[in-house]
Amino acid sequence: MSKTERLAIAAHLHVLLRRRLGRVTDVEWMAENDDYAHAMVRLALGDHDHPELVAMGQRLQAMLPARMAPAAAAPVARPV
């Protein structure tokens, strides 16, 4: 994955989110920050009325590293 490709997909997703949902996003931050990008993907995937928006969200999601399970879900070792 190139940075340019991720930026292009983020820009396209930004336009779709703006047109379809009226949401303004930060394209550069979406291309740089994985947490923000995951949040924008969740937003895009949540709108099933717009298949193009869902498809672009899936394209960005495929470029992102997998989310780690929350630390709170990991078992805690207790002293004996």
PDB file of N, CA and C in Angstrom:
ATOM      1  N   MET A   1       0.846  -1.173   0.000  1.00  0.00           N
ATOM      2  CA  MET A   1       0.000   0.000   0.000  1.00  0.00           C
ATOM      3  C   MET A   1       0.885   1.228   0.000  1.00  0.00           C
ATOM      4  N   SER A   2       0.656   2.103  -0.948  1.00  0.00           N
ATOM      5  CA  SER A   2       1.418   3.342  -0.967  1.00  0.00           C
ATOM      6  C   SER A   2       0.638   4.434  -0.238  1.00  0.00           C
ATOM      7  N   LYS A   3       1.376   5.392   0.263  1.00  0.00           N
ATOM      8  CA  LYS A   3       0.747   6.513   0.957  1.00  0.00           C
ATOM      9  C   LYS A   3      -0.155   7.287   0.001  1.00  0.00           C
ATOM     10  N   THR A   4       0.277   7.383  -1.252  1.00  0.00           N
ATOM     11  CA  THR A   4      -0.507   8.097  -2.256  1.00  0.00           C
ATOM     12  C   THR A   4      -1.840   7.407  -2.503  1.00  0.00           C
ATOM     13  N   GLU A   5      -1.822   6.084  -2.565  1.00  0.00           N
ATOM     14  CA  GLU A   5      -3.049   5.332  -2.796  1.00  0.00           C
ATOM     15  C   GLU A   5      -4.016   5.492  -1.621  1.00  0.00           C
ATOM     16  N   ARG A   6      -3.491   5.430  -0.406  1.00  0.00           N
ATOM     17  CA  ARG A   6      -4.345   5.604   0.779  1.00  0.00           C
ATOM     18  C   ARG A   6      -4.922   7.015   0.824  1.00  0.00           C
ATOM     19  N   LEU A   7      -4.127   8.008   0.437  1.00  0.00           N
ATOM     20  CA  LEU A   7      -4.610   9.388   0.397  1.00  0.00           C
ATOM     21  C   LEU A   7      -5.720   9.540  -0.638  1.00  0.00           C
ATOM     22  N   ALA A   8      -5.560   8.908  -1.785  1.00  0.00           N
ATOM     23  CA  ALA A   8      -6.580   8.986  -2.836  1.00  0.00           C
ATOM     24  C   ALA A   8      -7.898   8.355  -2.379  1.00  0.00           C
ATOM     25  N   ILE A   9      -7.814   7.205  -1.737  1.00  0.00           N
ATOM     26  CA  ILE A   9      -9.030   6.544  -1.240  1.00  0.00           C
ATOM     27  C   ILE A   9      -9.671   7.383  -0.138  1.00  0.00           C
ATOM     28  N   ALA A  10      -8.853   7.951   0.747  1.00  0.00           N
ATOM     29  CA  ALA A  10      -9.381   8.816   1.807  1.00  0.00           C
ATOM     30  C   ALA A  10     -10.084  10.033   1.211  1.00  0.00           C
ATOM     31  N   ALA A  11      -9.523  10.597   0.159  1.00  0.00           N
ATOM     32  CA  ALA A  11     -10.138  11.763  -0.491  1.00  0.00           C
ATOM     33  C   ALA A  11     -11.476  11.384  -1.113  1.00  0.00           C
ATOM     34  N   HIS A  12     -11.527  10.243  -1.747  1.00  0.00           N
ATOM     35  CA  HIS A  12     -12.777   9.782  -2.354  1.00  0.00           C
ATOM     36  C   HIS A  12     -13.826   9.511  -1.275  1.00  0.00           C
ATOM     37  N   LEU A  13     -13.416   8.883  -0.190  1.00  0.00           N
ATOM     38  CA  LEU A  13     -14.337   8.613   0.906  1.00  0.00           C
ATOM     39  C   LEU A  13     -14.833   9.925   1.520  1.00  0.00           C
ATOM     40  N   HIS A  14     -13.947  10.903   1.636  1.00  0.00           N
ATOM     41  CA  HIS A  14     -14.328  12.217   2.156  1.00  0.00           C
ATOM     42  C   HIS A  14     -15.454  12.824   1.314  1.00  0.00           C
ATOM     43  N   VAL A  15     -15.295  12.779   0.000  1.00  0.00           N
ATOM     44  CA  VAL A  15     -16.305  13.350  -0.899  1.00  0.00           C
ATOM     45  C   VAL A  15     -17.637  12.623  -0.742  1.00  0.00           C
ATOM     46  N   LEU A  16     -17.592  11.311  -0.669  1.00  0.00           N
ATOM     47  CA  LEU A  16     -18.825  10.537  -0.513  1.00  0.00           C
ATOM     48  C   LEU A  16     -19.502  10.819   0.825  1.00  0.00           C
ATOM     49  N   LEU A  17     -18.712  10.888   1.900  1.00  0.00           N
ATOM     50  CA  LEU A  17     -19.287  11.190   3.218  1.00  0.00           C
ATOM     51  C   LEU A  17     -19.911  12.576   3.226  1.00  0.00           C
ATOM     52  N   ARG A  18     -19.287  13.509   2.549  1.00  0.00           N
ATOM     53  CA  ARG A  18     -19.813  14.879   2.485  1.00  0.00           C
ATOM     54  C   ARG A  18     -21.114  14.919   1.694  1.00  0.00           C
ATOM     55  N   ARG A  19     -21.127  14.257   0.552  1.00  0.00           N
ATOM     56  CA  ARG A  19     -22.317  14.274  -0.307  1.00  0.00           C
ATOM     57  C   ARG A  19     -23.473  13.491   0.283  1.00  0.00           C
ATOM     58  N   ARG A  20     -23.182  12.308   0.787  1.00  0.00           N
ATOM     59  CA  ARG A  20     -24.255  11.405   1.231  1.00  0.00           C
ATOM     60  C   ARG A  20     -24.744  11.694   2.641  1.00  0.00           C
ATOM     61  N   LEU A  21     -23.803  12.032   3.545  1.00  0.00           N
ATOM     62  CA  LEU A  21     -24.173  12.188   4.950  1.00  0.00           C
ATOM     63  C   LEU A  21     -24.018  13.602   5.481  1.00  0.00           C
ATOM     64  N   GLY A  22     -23.416  14.493   4.681  1.00  0.00           N
ATOM     65  CA  GLY A  22     -23.187  15.856   5.138  1.00  0.00           C
ATOM     66  C   GLY A  22     -22.054  15.956   6.154  1.00  0.00           C
ATOM     67  N   ARG A  23     -21.211  14.930   6.223  1.00  0.00           N
ATOM     68  CA  ARG A  23     -20.099  14.897   7.179  1.00  0.00           C
ATOM     69  C   ARG A  23     -18.843  15.450   6.535  1.00  0.00           C
ATOM     70  N   VAL A  24     -18.162  16.316   7.255  1.00  0.00           N
ATOM     71  CA  VAL A  24     -16.888  16.850   6.795  1.00  0.00           C
ATOM     72  C   VAL A  24     -15.789  16.116   7.545  1.00  0.00           C
ATOM     73  N   THR A  25     -14.807  15.594   6.806  1.00  0.00           N
ATOM     74  CA  THR A  25     -13.722  14.836   7.418  1.00  0.00           C
ATOM     75  C   THR A  25     -12.391  15.472   7.058  1.00  0.00           C
ATOM     76  N   ASP A  26     -11.348  15.025   7.701  1.00  0.00           N
ATOM     77  CA  ASP A  26      -9.992  15.496   7.425  1.00  0.00           C
ATOM     78  C   ASP A  26      -9.276  14.423   6.610  1.00  0.00           C
ATOM     79  N   VAL A  27      -9.096  14.699   5.327  1.00  0.00           N
ATOM     80  CA  VAL A  27      -8.529  13.712   4.412  1.00  0.00           C
ATOM     81  C   VAL A  27      -7.113  13.324   4.816  1.00  0.00           C
ATOM     82  N   GLU A  28      -6.275  14.302   5.090  1.00  0.00           N
ATOM     83  CA  GLU A  28      -4.881  14.006   5.435  1.00  0.00           C
ATOM     84  C   GLU A  28      -4.785  13.213   6.730  1.00  0.00           C
ATOM     85  N   TRP A  29      -5.607  13.549   7.709  1.00  0.00           N
ATOM     86  CA  TRP A  29      -5.586  12.824   8.985  1.00  0.00           C
ATOM     87  C   TRP A  29      -6.086  11.401   8.786  1.00  0.00           C
ATOM     88  N   MET A  30      -7.071  11.230   7.896  1.00  0.00           N
ATOM     89  CA  MET A  30      -7.579   9.893   7.593  1.00  0.00           C
ATOM     90  C   MET A  30      -6.480   9.045   6.945  1.00  0.00           C
ATOM     91  N   ALA A  31      -5.639   9.681   6.142  1.00  0.00           N
ATOM     92  CA  ALA A  31      -4.557   8.963   5.469  1.00  0.00           C
ATOM     93  C   ALA A  31      -3.397   8.667   6.419  1.00  0.00           C
ATOM     94  N   GLU A  32      -3.252   9.456   7.481  1.00  0.00           N
ATOM     95  CA  GLU A  32      -2.118   9.305   8.403  1.00  0.00           C
ATOM     96  C   GLU A  32      -2.438   8.516   9.664  1.00  0.00           C
ATOM     97  N   ASN A  33      -3.640   8.688  10.192  1.00  0.00           N
ATOM     98  CA  ASN A  33      -3.976   8.147  11.510  1.00  0.00           C
ATOM     99  C   ASN A  33      -4.911   6.945  11.379  1.00  0.00           C
ATOM    100  N   ASP A  34      -4.440   5.782  11.794  1.00  0.00           N
ATOM    101  CA  ASP A  34      -5.230   4.555  11.662  1.00  0.00           C
ATOM    102  C   ASP A  34      -6.505   4.585  12.490  1.00  0.00           C
ATOM    103  N   ASP A  35      -6.461   5.140  13.699  1.00  0.00           N
ATOM    104  CA  ASP A  35      -7.662   5.187  14.541  1.00  0.00           C
ATOM    105  C   ASP A  35      -8.751   6.040  13.895  1.00  0.00           C
ATOM    106  N   TYR A  36      -8.366   7.197  13.372  1.00  0.00           N
ATOM    107  CA  TYR A  36      -9.331   8.075  12.706  1.00  0.00           C
ATOM    108  C   TYR A  36      -9.873   7.395  11.449  1.00  0.00           C
ATOM    109  N   ALA A  37      -9.003   6.751  10.703  1.00  0.00           N
ATOM    110  CA  ALA A  37      -9.423   6.058   9.484  1.00  0.00           C
ATOM    111  C   ALA A  37     -10.412   4.945   9.811  1.00  0.00           C
ATOM    112  N   HIS A  38     -10.154   4.193  10.880  1.00  0.00           N
ATOM    113  CA  HIS A  38     -11.089   3.133  11.295  1.00  0.00           C
ATOM    114  C   HIS A  38     -12.445   3.732  11.677  1.00  0.00           C
ATOM    115  N   ALA A  39     -12.440   4.888  12.326  1.00  0.00           N
ATOM    116  CA  ALA A  39     -13.700   5.537  12.696  1.00  0.00           C
ATOM    117  C   ALA A  39     -14.478   5.959  11.449  1.00  0.00           C
ATOM    118  N   MET A  40     -13.791   6.468  10.442  1.00  0.00           N
ATOM    119  CA  MET A  40     -14.454   6.874   9.203  1.00  0.00           C
ATOM    120  C   MET A  40     -14.966   5.653   8.435  1.00  0.00           C
ATOM    121  N   VAL A  41     -14.249   4.545   8.518  1.00  0.00           N
ATOM    122  CA  VAL A  41     -14.699   3.301   7.887  1.00  0.00           C
ATOM    123  C   VAL A  41     -15.983   2.832   8.557  1.00  0.00           C
ATOM    124  N   ARG A  42     -16.020   2.857   9.899  1.00  0.00           N
ATOM    125  CA  ARG A  42     -17.246   2.459  10.621  1.00  0.00           C
ATOM    126  C   ARG A  42     -18.420   3.329  10.198  1.00  0.00           C
ATOM    127  N   LEU A  43     -18.174   4.616  10.040  1.00  0.00           N
ATOM    128  CA  LEU A  43     -19.222   5.539   9.615  1.00  0.00           C
ATOM    129  C   LEU A  43     -19.715   5.175   8.212  1.00  0.00           C
ATOM    130  N   ALA A  44     -18.790   4.915   7.312  1.00  0.00           N
ATOM    131  CA  ALA A  44     -19.154   4.575   5.935  1.00  0.00           C
ATOM    132  C   ALA A  44     -19.890   3.234   5.861  1.00  0.00           C
ATOM    133  N   LEU A  45     -19.423   2.258   6.607  1.00  0.00           N
ATOM    134  CA  LEU A  45     -20.032   0.928   6.556  1.00  0.00           C
ATOM    135  C   LEU A  45     -21.395   0.887   7.237  1.00  0.00           C
ATOM    136  N   GLY A  46     -21.675   1.860   8.060  1.00  0.00           N
ATOM    137  CA  GLY A  46     -22.952   1.899   8.762  1.00  0.00           C
ATOM    138  C   GLY A  46     -24.094   2.402   7.907  1.00  0.00           C
ATOM    139  N   ASP A  47     -23.797   2.954   6.731  1.00  0.00           N
ATOM    140  CA  ASP A  47     -24.840   3.504   5.868  1.00  0.00           C
ATOM    141  C   ASP A  47     -25.104   2.559   4.704  1.00  0.00           C
ATOM    142  N   HIS A  48     -26.032   1.641   4.901  1.00  0.00           N
ATOM    143  CA  HIS A  48     -26.303   0.609   3.905  1.00  0.00           C
ATOM    144  C   HIS A  48     -27.158   1.123   2.746  1.00  0.00           C
ATOM    145  N   ASP A  49     -27.645   2.349   2.845  1.00  0.00           N
ATOM    146  CA  ASP A  49     -28.455   2.917   1.770  1.00  0.00           C
ATOM    147  C   ASP A  49     -27.604   3.417   0.607  1.00  0.00           C
ATOM    148  N   HIS A  50     -26.303   3.522   0.814  1.00  0.00           N
ATOM    149  CA  HIS A  50     -25.415   4.045  -0.212  1.00  0.00           C
ATOM    150  C   HIS A  50     -24.304   3.033  -0.502  1.00  0.00           C
ATOM    151  N   PRO A  51     -24.525   2.135  -1.451  1.00  0.00           N
ATOM    152  CA  PRO A  51     -23.556   1.079  -1.734  1.00  0.00           C
ATOM    153  C   PRO A  51     -22.182   1.608  -2.134  1.00  0.00           C
ATOM    154  N   GLU A  52     -22.121   2.751  -2.818  1.00  0.00           N
ATOM    155  CA  GLU A  52     -20.823   3.308  -3.211  1.00  0.00           C
ATOM    156  C   GLU A  52     -20.028   3.737  -1.979  1.00  0.00           C
ATOM    157  N   LEU A  53     -20.716   4.287  -1.000  1.00  0.00           N
ATOM    158  CA  LEU A  53     -20.072   4.692   0.251  1.00  0.00           C
ATOM    159  C   LEU A  53     -19.554   3.471   1.002  1.00  0.00           C
ATOM    160  N   VAL A  54     -20.348   2.423   1.064  1.00  0.00           N
ATOM    161  CA  VAL A  54     -19.937   1.181   1.726  1.00  0.00           C
ATOM    162  C   VAL A  54     -18.728   0.573   1.014  1.00  0.00           C
ATOM    163  N   ALA A  55     -18.768   0.558  -0.319  1.00  0.00           N
ATOM    164  CA  ALA A  55     -17.655  -0.010  -1.091  1.00  0.00           C
ATOM    165  C   ALA A  55     -16.362   0.756  -0.858  1.00  0.00           C
ATOM    166  N   MET A  56     -16.435   2.076  -0.802  1.00  0.00           N
ATOM    167  CA  MET A  56     -15.225   2.872  -0.578  1.00  0.00           C
ATOM    168  C   MET A  56     -14.725   2.675   0.856  1.00  0.00           C
ATOM    169  N   GLY A  57     -15.632   2.548   1.800  1.00  0.00           N
ATOM    170  CA  GLY A  57     -15.242   2.247   3.175  1.00  0.00           C
ATOM    171  C   GLY A  57     -14.511   0.916   3.264  1.00  0.00           C
ATOM    172  N   GLN A  58     -14.982  -0.065   2.518  1.00  0.00           N
ATOM    173  CA  GLN A  58     -14.332  -1.375   2.500  1.00  0.00           C
ATOM    174  C   GLN A  58     -12.946  -1.298   1.862  1.00  0.00           C
ATOM    175  N   ARG A  59     -12.788  -0.470   0.840  1.00  0.00           N
ATOM    176  CA  ARG A  59     -11.468  -0.309   0.202  1.00  0.00           C
ATOM    177  C   ARG A  59     -10.466   0.283   1.184  1.00  0.00           C
ATOM    178  N   LEU A  60     -10.908   1.304   1.936  1.00  0.00           N
ATOM    179  CA  LEU A  60     -10.004   1.900   2.919  1.00  0.00           C
ATOM    180  C   LEU A  60      -9.718   0.901   4.031  1.00  0.00           C
ATOM    181  N   GLN A  61     -10.728   0.194   4.469  1.00  0.00           N
ATOM    182  CA  GLN A  61     -10.551  -0.794   5.540  1.00  0.00           C
ATOM    183  C   GLN A  61      -9.527  -1.853   5.157  1.00  0.00           C
ATOM    184  N   ALA A  62      -9.518  -2.262   3.895  1.00  0.00           N
ATOM    185  CA  ALA A  62      -8.573  -3.270   3.429  1.00  0.00           C
ATOM    186  C   ALA A  62      -7.130  -2.774   3.489  1.00  0.00           C
ATOM    187  N   MET A  63      -6.939  -1.473   3.493  1.00  0.00           N
ATOM    188  CA  MET A  63      -5.592  -0.899   3.529  1.00  0.00           C
ATOM    189  C   MET A  63      -5.085  -0.697   4.953  1.00  0.00           C
ATOM    190  N   LEU A  64      -5.989  -0.771   5.909  1.00  0.00           N
ATOM    191  CA  LEU A  64      -5.627  -0.478   7.293  1.00  0.00           C
ATOM    192  C   LEU A  64      -5.148  -1.722   8.015  1.00  0.00           C
ATOM    193  N   PRO A  65      -4.259  -1.531   9.014  1.00  0.00           N
ATOM    194  CA  PRO A  65      -3.870  -2.677   9.835  1.00  0.00           C
ATOM    195  C   PRO A  65      -5.074  -3.141  10.658  1.00  0.00           C
ATOM    196  N   ALA A  66      -5.105  -4.420  10.955  1.00  0.00           N
ATOM    197  CA  ALA A  66      -6.209  -4.980  11.740  1.00  0.00           C
ATOM    198  C   ALA A  66      -6.239  -4.335  13.121  1.00  0.00           C
ATOM    199  N   ARG A  67      -7.433  -4.174  13.645  1.00  0.00           N
ATOM    200  CA  ARG A  67      -7.590  -3.600  14.986  1.00  0.00           C
ATOM    201  C   ARG A  67      -7.189  -4.639  16.020  1.00  0.00           C
ATOM    202  N   MET A  68      -6.492  -4.205  17.042  1.00  0.00           N
ATOM    203  CA  MET A  68      -6.121  -5.088  18.145  1.00  0.00           C
ATOM    204  C   MET A  68      -7.294  -5.170  19.118  1.00  0.00           C
ATOM    205  N   ALA A  69      -7.415  -6.293  19.772  1.00  0.00           N
ATOM    206  CA  ALA A  69      -8.444  -6.439  20.799  1.00  0.00           C
ATOM    207  C   ALA A  69      -8.125  -5.496  21.955  1.00  0.00           C
ATOM    208  N   PRO A  70      -9.144  -4.930  22.595  1.00  0.00           N
ATOM    209  CA  PRO A  70      -8.896  -4.022  23.719  1.00  0.00           C
ATOM    210  C   PRO A  70      -8.105  -4.713  24.820  1.00  0.00           C
ATOM    211  N   ALA A  71      -7.232  -3.972  25.463  1.00  0.00           N
ATOM    212  CA  ALA A  71      -6.393  -4.529  26.525  1.00  0.00           C
ATOM    213  C   ALA A  71      -7.227  -5.035  27.691  1.00  0.00           C
ATOM    214  N   ALA A  72      -8.374  -4.413  27.922  1.00  0.00           N
ATOM    215  CA  ALA A  72      -9.222  -4.814  29.046  1.00  0.00           C
ATOM    216  C   ALA A  72      -9.772  -6.228  28.838  1.00  0.00           C
ATOM    217  N   ALA A  73      -9.831  -6.692  27.602  1.00  0.00           N
ATOM    218  CA  ALA A  73     -10.363  -8.013  27.337  1.00  0.00           C
ATOM    219  C   ALA A  73      -9.346  -9.125  27.612  1.00  0.00           C
ATOM    220  N   ALA A  74      -8.078  -8.745  27.748  1.00  0.00           N
ATOM    221  CA  ALA A  74      -7.028  -9.732  27.999  1.00  0.00           C
ATOM    222  C   ALA A  74      -7.104 -10.187  29.448  1.00  0.00           C
ATOM    223  N   PRO A  75      -6.833 -11.473  29.709  1.00  0.00           N
ATOM    224  CA  PRO A  75      -6.855 -11.959  31.098  1.00  0.00           C
ATOM    225  C   PRO A  75      -5.757 -11.283  31.923  1.00  0.00           C
ATOM    226  N   VAL A  76      -6.067 -11.013  33.153  1.00  0.00           N
ATOM    227  CA  VAL A  76      -5.122 -10.344  34.047  1.00  0.00           C
ATOM    228  C   VAL A  76      -4.505 -11.386  34.973  1.00  0.00           C
ATOM    229  N   ALA A  77      -3.181 -11.421  35.043  1.00  0.00           N
ATOM    230  CA  ALA A  77      -2.489 -12.343  35.959  1.00  0.00           C
ATOM    231  C   ALA A  77      -2.607 -11.780  37.384  1.00  0.00           C
ATOM    232  N   ARG A  78      -3.011 -12.625  38.287  1.00  0.00           N
ATOM    233  CA  ARG A  78      -3.139 -12.188  39.687  1.00  0.00           C
ATOM    234  C   ARG A  78      -2.086 -12.884  40.551  1.00  0.00           C
ATOM    235  N   PRO A  79      -1.556 -12.133  41.505  1.00  0.00           N
ATOM    236  CA  PRO A  79      -0.567 -12.772  42.382  1.00  0.00           C
ATOM    237  C   PRO A  79      -1.215 -13.897  43.184  1.00  0.00           C
ATOM    238  N   VAL A  80      -0.452 -14.914  43.469  1.00  0.00           N
ATOM    239  CA  VAL A  80      -0.980 -16.065  44.191  1.00  0.00           C
ATOM    240  C   VAL A  80      -0.597 -16.016  45.640  1.00  0.00           C
TER     241      VAL A  80
END
